[in-house]
Amino acid sequence: MKEKRAAPATVDGVLCRIATQGDYQAVLDINRNVYNGLDYLSSKYHEYLNDPRRNLGVAIVDGRIVVFEMAYVIDGDTSITWQARRVHKDFQGLGLSNKLGHYLQSILKERYPKLKREHYTSANWPLISKVLSKRPKEKLVMKRPRVSFDTNPTDLNQILKNQSKKQEDLIDALKKIHVLSIEEGVVALKNCDWSSLFPTGFLIANWEPYMIQYASNYPLFLQDSTMVATRDKSGQVESISFGTIINSPAALRYRADYYGNSEQDAIHHIVKHAVLISQLDQKRDISYSILLPETLDKQAIKDFVVTKMGLTNQRTDENLALLISLPPRNFLSKM
């Protein structure tokens, strides 16, 4: 992989360049209290800088960083996923993020000549619905309902103990959900029924979209996530979920993603990940969310979390997770 070095460029009067270690605080200062203190960027910024597939850029006006965005190259070097966009409130609506995007595109097309697709995820359906009506070439690929709750280690441990006493069938179900190593996860993903679990051809892990057909993607998200799977009597994978830990400023954030066809099984996976969280040696508050297939009854799953488990606290929203595909465009378009 070539080094992530590129000369700065002025795009319509805006200086764009690759982000550096020294930009850390300036990037975080673009927007304050992102996601109500549950922002992932503060703990992941330096890791992202060291990832050869992630390309971080900043736009500068009058010597001040006012825009940040990351381009993540995946799918066998054929796709860009745009992530972590930040625009200072005084510079929103001026097209600066587009200028930074063109700058990053021009760099990446030289490094990855097979690039032909772009995607992004969002939780802002009111905005996205307006965008899609005005830009018909942008396509909504997938919707993922979300269930979330907030708790702390002491309460979570007590809730899990209570559940184990009340529901023996739940304990039996949890024993059938196995934690997989990265190697086992790769094999499971290659051999599972894609048409059933991933009908759109995509999976989202930790809010990052990957095309299931590219096995080169699997280690990219498995290295940061815990994968668990339910198998039938013949050993065939029936359902899969991933759990990812993020140390955000306000709490330990746990993002889970479930792929299966049963509300009851989804509930079992929610509890399985809760058990994994409870085994962590940490004392921070916990913010847990899980993305679900659109075909499942979200309310039935939510009712179990609230009524049966007693997890009523909820600081985060439960907006849909949306995967958007951008139209093919000239990556070397004039800046």
Protein backbone atom coordinates (compact mmCIF):
# COMPACT_ATOMS: atom_id res chain seq x y z
CA MET A 1 0.00 0.00 0.00
CA LYS A 2 1.31 3.44 -0.93
CA GLU A 3 1.85 5.96 1.81
CA LYS A 4 -0.94 8.42 2.45
CA ARG A 5 1.01 11.46 1.32
CA ALA A 6 -0.40 14.09 -0.97
CA ALA A 7 0.28 17.73 -1.60
CA PRO A 8 -2.26 20.24 -0.30
CA ALA A 9 -4.47 21.81 -2.94
CA THR A 10 -6.54 24.96 -3.14
CA VAL A 11 -10.06 24.18 -4.33
CA ASP A 12 -12.02 27.32 -5.23
CA GLY A 13 -10.10 29.31 -2.64
CA VAL A 14 -10.31 26.66 0.10
CA LEU A 15 -7.12 24.93 1.22
CA CYS A 16 -7.55 21.15 1.41
CA ARG A 17 -4.98 18.69 2.73
CA ILE A 18 -4.55 15.33 4.41
CA ALA A 19 -5.16 15.42 8.17
CA THR A 20 -2.27 14.86 10.59
CA GLN A 21 -1.76 13.78 14.18
CA GLY A 22 -1.39 17.43 15.12
CA ASP A 23 -4.88 18.25 13.81
CA TYR A 24 -6.58 16.12 16.47
CA GLN A 25 -7.91 18.87 18.74
CA ALA A 26 -8.74 21.23 15.88
CA VAL A 27 -10.82 18.51 14.23
CA LEU A 28 -12.71 17.79 17.46
CA ASP A 29 -13.30 21.52 17.92
CA ILE A 30 -15.17 21.78 14.60
CA ASN A 31 -18.35 20.62 16.35
CA ARG A 32 -18.88 20.25 20.09
CA ASN A 33 -20.92 17.61 21.96
CA VAL A 34 -21.39 15.46 18.86
CA TYR A 35 -23.98 12.69 19.39
CA ASN A 36 -24.62 14.02 22.91
CA GLY A 37 -21.18 13.01 24.08
CA LEU A 38 -21.23 9.61 22.37
CA ASP A 39 -18.93 10.63 19.52
CA TYR A 40 -16.54 7.94 18.33
CA LEU A 41 -13.99 10.20 16.66
CA SER A 42 -12.14 11.29 19.80
CA SER A 43 -11.07 7.71 20.56
CA LYS A 44 -10.69 6.50 16.96
CA TYR A 45 -8.95 9.45 15.26
CA HIS A 46 -5.36 8.27 15.70
CA GLU A 47 -6.29 4.70 14.83
CA TYR A 48 -7.94 5.92 11.64
CA LEU A 49 -4.83 7.91 10.72
CA ASN A 50 -2.75 4.74 10.91
CA ASP A 51 -5.18 2.68 8.83
CA PRO A 52 -3.91 2.63 5.21
CA ARG A 53 -7.47 2.30 3.89
CA ARG A 54 -8.78 5.36 5.66
CA ASN A 55 -7.95 8.73 4.21
CA LEU A 56 -8.63 11.71 6.46
CA GLY A 57 -8.87 15.21 5.02
CA VAL A 58 -9.40 18.73 6.31
CA ALA A 59 -10.50 21.99 4.70
CA ILE A 60 -8.99 25.21 6.00
CA VAL A 61 -10.30 28.77 5.81
CA ASP A 62 -8.19 31.67 7.12
CA GLY A 63 -5.83 29.24 8.80
CA ARG A 64 -8.62 27.43 10.66
CA ILE A 65 -9.80 23.85 10.13
CA VAL A 66 -13.53 24.10 9.44
CA VAL A 67 -14.31 20.81 7.65
CA PHE A 68 -13.23 17.22 8.24
CA GLU A 69 -14.13 14.06 6.35
CA MET A 70 -12.83 10.52 5.94
CA ALA A 71 -12.84 8.31 2.84
CA TYR A 72 -12.65 4.57 3.58
CA VAL A 73 -11.63 2.34 0.65
CA ILE A 74 -13.15 -1.18 0.75
CA ASP A 75 -14.87 -3.80 -1.44
CA GLY A 76 -11.70 -4.97 -3.15
CA ASP A 77 -10.59 -1.36 -3.71
CA THR A 78 -13.74 -0.62 -5.73
CA SER A 79 -15.75 1.48 -3.23
CA ILE A 80 -15.39 4.57 -1.08
CA THR A 81 -17.44 4.92 2.07
CA TRP A 82 -17.65 8.53 3.26
CA GLN A 83 -17.56 8.90 7.04
CA ALA A 84 -17.26 11.26 10.00
CA ARG A 85 -18.08 14.47 8.15
CA ARG A 86 -17.81 17.54 10.36
CA VAL A 87 -18.57 21.09 9.19
CA HIS A 88 -18.26 24.11 11.48
CA LYS A 89 -21.63 25.77 12.05
CA ASP A 90 -20.45 29.05 10.51
CA PHE A 91 -19.51 27.30 7.24
CA GLN A 92 -22.42 24.94 6.70
CA GLY A 93 -24.27 25.08 3.39
CA LEU A 94 -21.32 26.60 1.52
CA GLY A 95 -20.22 23.46 -0.32
CA LEU A 96 -16.91 23.16 1.52
CA SER A 97 -17.39 19.45 2.20
CA ASN A 98 -17.85 18.89 -1.54
CA LYS A 99 -14.57 20.65 -2.22
CA LEU A 100 -12.80 18.48 0.33
CA GLY A 101 -14.47 15.41 -1.17
CA HIS A 102 -13.19 16.26 -4.66
CA TYR A 103 -9.69 16.70 -3.25
CA LEU A 104 -9.76 13.28 -1.59
CA GLN A 105 -11.27 11.67 -4.69
CA SER A 106 -8.48 12.97 -6.91
CA ILE A 107 -5.90 11.44 -4.58
CA LEU A 108 -7.65 8.11 -4.21
CA LYS A 109 -8.33 7.54 -7.89
CA GLU A 110 -4.59 7.57 -8.54
CA ARG A 111 -3.98 5.04 -5.77
CA TYR A 112 -7.01 2.87 -6.45
CA PRO A 113 -7.78 2.85 -10.20
CA LYS A 114 -10.61 0.29 -9.75
CA LEU A 115 -12.78 2.71 -7.73
CA LYS A 116 -16.30 2.92 -9.12
CA ARG A 117 -18.75 3.25 -6.20
CA GLU A 118 -19.44 5.54 -3.26
CA HIS A 119 -21.64 4.99 -0.21
CA TYR A 120 -22.46 6.58 3.11
CA THR A 121 -24.64 5.82 6.12
CA SER A 122 -26.91 8.26 7.90
CA ALA A 123 -29.49 8.34 10.68
CA ASN A 124 -31.22 11.50 9.46
CA TRP A 125 -34.23 10.25 7.53
CA PRO A 126 -36.01 13.65 7.31
CA LEU A 127 -32.94 15.10 5.57
CA ILE A 128 -32.19 12.01 3.47
CA SER A 129 -35.78 11.77 2.22
CA LYS A 130 -35.51 15.35 0.91
CA VAL A 131 -32.11 14.66 -0.64
CA LEU A 132 -33.36 11.56 -2.44
CA SER A 133 -36.34 13.45 -3.86
CA LYS A 134 -33.99 16.06 -5.32
CA ARG A 135 -31.22 13.68 -6.39
CA PRO A 136 -32.90 10.67 -8.00
CA LYS A 137 -29.55 9.08 -8.88
CA GLU A 138 -28.79 8.63 -5.19
CA LYS A 139 -30.33 5.38 -4.04
CA LEU A 140 -31.51 4.12 -0.67
CA VAL A 141 -29.98 0.64 -0.43
CA MET A 142 -31.02 -0.43 3.06
CA LYS A 143 -32.90 0.65 6.17
CA ARG A 144 -31.96 -0.79 9.56
CA PRO A 145 -34.24 -0.15 12.57
CA ARG A 146 -32.47 0.51 15.84
CA VAL A 147 -33.11 -0.45 19.46
CA SER A 148 -31.04 1.22 22.18
CA PHE A 149 -30.75 1.56 25.93
CA ASP A 150 -28.48 3.08 28.56
CA THR A 151 -27.35 1.39 31.75
CA ASN A 152 -24.35 0.88 34.01
CA PRO A 153 -22.33 -2.24 34.93
CA THR A 154 -24.01 -2.75 38.32
CA ASP A 155 -27.56 -2.55 37.00
CA LEU A 156 -26.75 -4.63 33.92
CA ASN A 157 -25.26 -7.43 36.00
CA GLN A 158 -28.32 -7.50 38.25
CA ILE A 159 -30.68 -7.54 35.27
CA LEU A 160 -28.84 -10.46 33.72
CA LYS A 161 -28.93 -12.38 37.00
CA ASN A 162 -32.67 -11.81 37.25
CA GLN A 163 -33.18 -13.00 33.68
CA SER A 164 -31.22 -16.18 34.31
CA LYS A 165 -33.51 -17.02 37.24
CA LYS A 166 -36.76 -16.24 35.42
CA GLN A 167 -36.11 -17.76 32.01
CA GLU A 168 -34.35 -21.09 31.82
CA ASP A 169 -35.10 -21.30 28.10
CA LEU A 170 -33.13 -18.08 27.61
CA ILE A 171 -30.06 -19.65 29.21
CA ASP A 172 -30.38 -22.65 26.89
CA ALA A 173 -30.70 -20.33 23.88
CA LEU A 174 -27.59 -18.36 24.86
CA LYS A 175 -25.58 -21.58 24.97
CA LYS A 176 -26.35 -22.08 21.28
CA ILE A 177 -24.92 -18.67 20.34
CA HIS A 178 -21.18 -19.01 19.89
CA VAL A 179 -18.46 -16.37 19.88
CA LEU A 180 -16.32 -16.83 16.76
CA SER A 181 -12.67 -16.07 16.19
CA ILE A 182 -11.73 -13.93 13.19
CA GLU A 183 -10.81 -17.06 11.23
CA GLU A 184 -14.09 -18.78 12.16
CA GLY A 185 -16.00 -15.62 11.31
CA VAL A 186 -14.47 -15.45 7.83
CA VAL A 187 -15.45 -19.07 7.16
CA ALA A 188 -18.98 -18.50 8.50
CA LEU A 189 -19.50 -15.43 6.33
CA LYS A 190 -18.26 -17.23 3.23
CA ASN A 191 -20.57 -20.21 3.77
CA CYS A 192 -23.78 -18.71 5.18
CA ASP A 193 -26.92 -18.09 3.13
CA TRP A 194 -26.30 -14.61 1.74
CA SER A 195 -29.73 -14.35 0.12
CA SER A 196 -31.40 -14.89 3.50
CA LEU A 197 -29.12 -12.89 5.80
CA PHE A 198 -27.90 -10.17 3.41
CA PRO A 199 -30.60 -9.77 0.72
CA THR A 200 -29.35 -6.34 -0.36
CA GLY A 201 -25.82 -7.66 -0.91
CA PHE A 202 -24.54 -5.45 1.92
CA LEU A 203 -23.90 -5.80 5.60
CA ILE A 204 -23.40 -2.95 8.02
CA ALA A 205 -20.94 -3.51 10.86
CA ASN A 206 -20.31 -0.63 13.26
CA TRP A 207 -22.23 1.67 10.88
CA GLU A 208 -19.82 0.84 8.05
CA PRO A 209 -21.31 -0.74 4.88
CA TYR A 210 -19.54 -3.63 3.19
CA MET A 211 -20.49 -5.63 0.10
CA ILE A 212 -20.77 -9.24 1.23
CA GLN A 213 -19.34 -10.60 -2.04
CA TYR A 214 -15.85 -9.30 -1.20
CA ALA A 215 -14.22 -11.67 1.29
CA SER A 216 -11.36 -9.18 1.62
CA ASN A 217 -13.79 -7.05 3.65
CA TYR A 218 -14.34 -9.60 6.40
CA PRO A 219 -11.09 -9.15 8.36
CA LEU A 220 -11.51 -5.37 8.16
CA PHE A 221 -14.56 -5.33 10.42
CA LEU A 222 -13.93 -8.56 12.32
CA GLN A 223 -10.67 -7.25 13.74
CA ASP A 224 -12.57 -4.56 15.66
CA SER A 225 -15.75 -6.50 16.45
CA THR A 226 -16.90 -9.57 18.33
CA MET A 227 -18.88 -11.87 16.05
CA VAL A 228 -21.41 -14.35 17.40
CA ALA A 229 -23.50 -16.85 15.47
CA THR A 230 -26.44 -19.20 15.95
CA ARG A 231 -26.18 -22.53 14.13
CA ASP A 232 -28.82 -25.14 13.34
CA LYS A 233 -28.45 -28.83 14.19
CA SER A 234 -26.46 -29.45 11.01
CA GLY A 235 -24.00 -26.70 11.88
CA GLN A 236 -25.28 -24.24 9.27
CA VAL A 237 -25.23 -20.60 10.38
CA GLU A 238 -28.78 -19.31 10.91
CA SER A 239 -28.00 -15.84 12.26
CA ILE A 240 -25.05 -13.58 12.88
CA SER A 241 -24.35 -10.47 14.91
CA PHE A 242 -21.40 -8.21 15.53
CA GLY A 243 -20.59 -6.10 18.60
CA THR A 244 -18.13 -3.20 18.63
CA ILE A 245 -16.84 -1.26 21.64
CA ILE A 246 -16.17 2.47 21.38
CA ASN A 247 -14.84 4.58 24.23
CA SER A 248 -16.80 7.79 23.73
CA PRO A 249 -16.47 10.79 26.08
CA ALA A 250 -19.80 10.21 27.86
CA ALA A 251 -19.94 6.42 28.08
CA LEU A 252 -18.70 3.10 26.84
CA ARG A 253 -20.59 2.76 23.59
CA TYR A 254 -21.52 -0.68 22.29
CA ARG A 255 -22.75 -0.96 18.72
CA ALA A 256 -24.30 -4.26 17.67
CA ASP A 257 -25.59 -5.41 14.28
CA TYR A 258 -27.92 -8.39 13.90
CA TYR A 259 -28.62 -10.44 10.76
CA GLY A 260 -31.30 -13.11 11.05
CA ASN A 261 -34.99 -13.76 10.53
CA SER A 262 -36.50 -14.16 13.99
CA GLU A 263 -37.48 -11.63 16.64
CA GLN A 264 -36.85 -14.21 19.36
CA ASP A 265 -33.38 -14.99 18.03
CA ALA A 266 -32.61 -11.26 17.79
CA ILE A 267 -33.57 -10.93 21.46
CA HIS A 268 -31.21 -13.77 22.32
CA HIS A 269 -28.39 -12.01 20.48
CA ILE A 270 -29.14 -8.76 22.33
CA VAL A 271 -28.82 -10.60 25.63
CA LYS A 272 -25.68 -12.43 24.46
CA HIS A 273 -23.94 -9.13 23.72
CA ALA A 274 -25.17 -7.75 27.06
CA VAL A 275 -23.49 -10.71 28.76
CA LEU A 276 -20.27 -9.97 26.88
CA ILE A 277 -20.44 -6.34 28.00
CA SER A 278 -21.01 -7.40 31.61
CA GLN A 279 -17.80 -9.42 31.49
CA LEU A 280 -15.70 -6.36 30.71
CA ASP A 281 -13.59 -5.03 33.56
CA GLN A 282 -14.85 -1.47 33.41
CA LYS A 283 -17.03 0.88 35.47
CA ARG A 284 -18.27 3.39 32.91
CA ASP A 285 -21.88 3.96 31.95
CA ILE A 286 -22.97 1.89 28.95
CA SER A 287 -24.77 3.06 25.83
CA TYR A 288 -25.94 0.04 23.82
CA SER A 289 -27.61 0.05 20.41
CA ILE A 290 -28.36 -2.69 17.92
CA LEU A 291 -29.36 -2.46 14.26
CA LEU A 292 -31.94 -4.96 13.04
CA PRO A 293 -33.32 -6.24 9.73
CA GLU A 294 -36.21 -4.13 8.48
CA THR A 295 -38.34 -7.27 8.16
CA LEU A 296 -38.41 -7.86 11.92
CA ASP A 297 -40.96 -6.41 14.36
CA LYS A 298 -38.84 -3.82 16.12
CA GLN A 299 -41.55 -3.05 18.69
CA ALA A 300 -41.68 -6.66 19.89
CA ILE A 301 -37.94 -6.59 20.44
CA LYS A 302 -38.09 -3.19 22.11
CA ASP A 303 -40.88 -4.41 24.41
CA PHE A 304 -38.67 -7.25 25.63
CA VAL A 305 -35.80 -4.89 26.37
CA VAL A 306 -38.03 -2.47 28.28
CA THR A 307 -40.61 -4.76 29.90
CA LYS A 308 -38.81 -8.06 30.47
CA MET A 309 -35.29 -6.76 31.04
CA GLY A 310 -36.29 -3.47 32.64
CA LEU A 311 -33.87 -1.42 30.56
CA THR A 312 -35.94 1.75 30.34
CA ASN A 313 -33.22 4.40 30.25
CA GLN A 314 -32.57 5.72 26.78
CA ARG A 315 -30.42 8.73 26.00
CA THR A 316 -29.75 7.98 22.34
CA ASP A 317 -32.32 8.17 19.58
CA GLU A 318 -33.57 5.16 17.66
CA ASN A 319 -33.56 6.67 14.20
CA LEU A 320 -33.20 4.33 11.24
CA ALA A 321 -29.74 3.52 9.98
CA LEU A 322 -29.76 4.31 6.26
CA LEU A 323 -27.33 3.13 3.58
CA ILE A 324 -27.15 5.45 0.58
CA SER A 325 -25.46 4.70 -2.73
CA LEU A 326 -24.12 7.67 -4.69
CA PRO A 327 -24.26 7.74 -8.50
CA PRO A 328 -21.07 6.87 -10.42
CA ARG A 329 -19.08 10.00 -11.11
CA ASN A 330 -15.77 11.09 -12.55
CA PHE A 331 -13.31 10.77 -9.69
CA LEU A 332 -10.90 12.99 -11.57
CA SER A 333 -13.42 15.74 -12.18
CA LYS A 334 -11.94 19.20 -12.35
CA MET A 335 -11.50 20.77 -8.94
